C-alpha atoms as a PDB file:
ATOM      1  CA  MET A   1       9.477  68.414 -68.138  1.00  0.00           C
ATOM      2  CA  SER A   2      10.596  65.930 -65.509  1.00  0.00           C
ATOM      3  CA  THR A   3      12.449  62.762 -66.312  1.00  0.00           C
ATOM      4  CA  LYS A   4      10.794  59.533 -65.213  1.00  0.00           C
ATOM      5  CA  ILE A   5      12.790  56.469 -64.297  1.00  0.00           C
ATOM      6  CA  LYS A   6      11.125  53.112 -63.915  1.00  0.00           C
ATOM      7  CA  LEU A   7      12.092  51.265 -60.750  1.00  0.00           C
ATOM      8  CA  SER A   8      12.998  47.602 -60.932  1.00  0.00           C
ATOM      9  CA  GLU A   9      10.555  44.975 -59.724  1.00  0.00           C
ATOM     10  CA  GLU A  10      12.953  44.152 -56.875  1.00  0.00           C
ATOM     11  CA  GLU A  11      13.075  47.808 -55.770  1.00  0.00           C
ATOM     12  CA  LEU A  12       9.288  48.101 -55.938  1.00  0.00           C
ATOM     13  CA  LYS A  13       8.877  44.847 -53.994  1.00  0.00           C
ATOM     14  CA  GLN A  14      11.232  46.098 -51.285  1.00  0.00           C
ATOM     15  CA  LEU A  15       9.394  49.426 -50.986  1.00  0.00           C
ATOM     16  CA  ARG A  16       6.014  47.695 -50.887  1.00  0.00           C
ATOM     17  CA  ASP A  17       7.307  45.316 -48.210  1.00  0.00           C
ATOM     18  CA  PHE A  18       8.393  48.318 -46.117  1.00  0.00           C
ATOM     19  CA  GLN A  19       4.965  49.868 -46.561  1.00  0.00           C
ATOM     20  CA  ASP A  20       3.185  46.621 -45.615  1.00  0.00           C
ATOM     21  CA  LYS A  21       5.349  46.170 -42.505  1.00  0.00           C
ATOM     22  CA  GLN A  22       4.733  49.765 -41.472  1.00  0.00           C
ATOM     23  CA  GLN A  23       0.970  49.265 -41.787  1.00  0.00           C
ATOM     24  CA  VAL A  24       1.120  46.089 -39.653  1.00  0.00           C
ATOM     25  CA  LEU A  25       3.190  47.842 -36.988  1.00  0.00           C
ATOM     26  CA  THR A  26       0.817  50.812 -36.979  1.00  0.00           C
ATOM     27  CA  LEU A  27      -2.151  48.465 -36.552  1.00  0.00           C
ATOM     28  CA  ASN A  28      -0.363  46.609 -33.735  1.00  0.00           C
ATOM     29  CA  LEU A  29       0.458  49.887 -32.016  1.00  0.00           C
ATOM     30  CA  GLY A  30      -3.192  50.904 -32.202  1.00  0.00           C
ATOM     31  CA  SER A  31      -4.230  47.584 -30.663  1.00  0.00           C
ATOM     32  CA  VAL A  32      -1.735  48.033 -27.840  1.00  0.00           C
ATOM     33  CA  ASP A  33      -3.003  51.568 -27.177  1.00  0.00           C
ATOM     34  CA  ILE A  34      -6.584  50.297 -27.016  1.00  0.00           C
ATOM     35  CA  GLN A  35      -5.585  47.528 -24.596  1.00  0.00           C
ATOM     36  CA  LYS A  36      -3.641  50.052 -22.530  1.00  0.00           C
ATOM     37  CA  ALA A  37      -6.676  52.350 -22.319  1.00  0.00           C
ATOM     38  CA  MET A  38      -8.863  49.441 -21.235  1.00  0.00           C
ATOM     39  CA  LEU A  39      -6.346  48.403 -18.567  1.00  0.00           C
ATOM     40  CA  GLU A  40      -6.096  51.973 -17.310  1.00  0.00           C
ATOM     41  CA  GLY A  41      -9.880  52.037 -16.994  1.00  0.00           C
ATOM     42  CA  GLN A  42      -9.831  48.762 -15.079  1.00  0.00           C
ATOM     43  CA  ARG A  43      -7.009  50.065 -12.874  1.00  0.00           C
ATOM     44  CA  SER A  44      -9.004  53.199 -12.098  1.00  0.00           C
ATOM     45  CA  THR A  45     -12.051  51.125 -11.153  1.00  0.00           C
ATOM     46  CA  ILE A  46      -9.963  48.885  -8.894  1.00  0.00           C
ATOM     47  CA  LEU A  47      -8.352  51.893  -7.214  1.00  0.00           C
ATOM     48  CA  ASP A  48     -11.804  53.385  -6.575  1.00  0.00           C
ATOM     49  CA  LYS A  49     -12.973  50.100  -5.036  1.00  0.00           C
ATOM     50  CA  PHE A  50      -9.794  49.937  -2.952  1.00  0.00           C
ATOM     51  CA  ALA A  51     -10.409  53.472  -1.634  1.00  0.00           C
ATOM     52  CA  ASP A  52     -14.017  52.538  -0.786  1.00  0.00           C
ATOM     53  CA  LEU A  53     -12.806  49.420   1.039  1.00  0.00           C
ATOM     54  CA  GLN A  54     -10.280  51.471   3.022  1.00  0.00           C
ATOM     55  CA  GLU A  55     -13.011  53.922   3.996  1.00  0.00           C
ATOM     56  CA  GLU A  56     -15.325  51.097   5.126  1.00  0.00           C
ATOM     57  CA  SER A  57     -12.472  49.475   7.049  1.00  0.00           C
ATOM     58  CA  ASN A  58     -11.629  52.743   8.797  1.00  0.00           C
ATOM     59  CA  LYS A  59     -15.291  53.300   9.738  1.00  0.00           C
ATOM     60  CA  THR A  60     -15.546  49.792  11.142  1.00  0.00           C
ATOM     61  CA  ALA A  61     -12.295  50.207  13.077  1.00  0.00           C
ATOM     62  CA  LYS A  62     -13.577  53.493  14.513  1.00  0.00           C
ATOM     63  CA  SER A  63     -16.885  51.887  15.459  1.00  0.00           C
ATOM     64  CA  LEU A  64     -15.123  48.994  17.224  1.00  0.00           C
ATOM     65  CA  GLN A  65     -12.776  51.417  18.969  1.00  0.00           C
ATOM     66  CA  ASP A  66     -15.740  53.449  20.199  1.00  0.00           C
ATOM     67  CA  LYS A  67     -17.427  50.260  21.435  1.00  0.00           C
ATOM     68  CA  TYR A  68     -14.446  48.437  23.011  1.00  0.00           C
ATOM     69  CA  GLY A  69     -11.746  51.083  23.427  1.00  0.00           C
ATOM     70  CA  ASP A  70      -8.150  50.972  22.237  1.00  0.00           C
ATOM     71  CA  GLY A  71      -6.798  47.529  21.536  1.00  0.00           C
ATOM     72  CA  SER A  72      -6.195  44.871  18.965  1.00  0.00           C
ATOM     73  CA  ILE A  73      -8.242  42.102  17.431  1.00  0.00           C
ATOM     74  CA  ASN A  74      -7.023  38.590  16.736  1.00  0.00           C
ATOM     75  CA  LEU A  75      -8.935  37.554  13.624  1.00  0.00           C
ATOM     76  CA  GLU A  76      -8.043  33.882  14.188  1.00  0.00           C
ATOM     77  CA  SER A  77      -9.603  33.667  17.661  1.00  0.00           C
ATOM     78  CA  GLY A  78     -12.043  36.573  17.377  1.00  0.00           C
ATOM     79  CA  GLU A  79     -10.690  38.006  20.620  1.00  0.00           C
ATOM     80  CA  PHE A  80     -10.196  41.666  21.420  1.00  0.00           C
ATOM     81  CA  THR A  81      -7.307  42.631  23.685  1.00  0.00           C
ATOM     82  CA  LEU A  82      -7.360  46.003  25.384  1.00  0.00           C
ATOM     83  CA  SER A  83      -4.228  48.123  25.187  1.00  0.00           C
ATOM     84  CA  LYS A  84      -2.544  48.750  28.519  1.00  0.00           C
END
């Protein structure tokens, strides 16, 4: 037969406080993980859009190069300058 010892109210309160704090931290960690997953999803979407934009930009640059030749464009003036 095992011997049972009753803990003091102060000891029980301290242990319950530890348990409560651990539950709050676990809940907070879960919330952070959910937010992190959402941000990673948003990041992935933005990276996909960025890759699409790069592809469109490259196609447009190629089209302008085919039309005007090698050179540079001044976006302020809208002028194209041929390379020498």
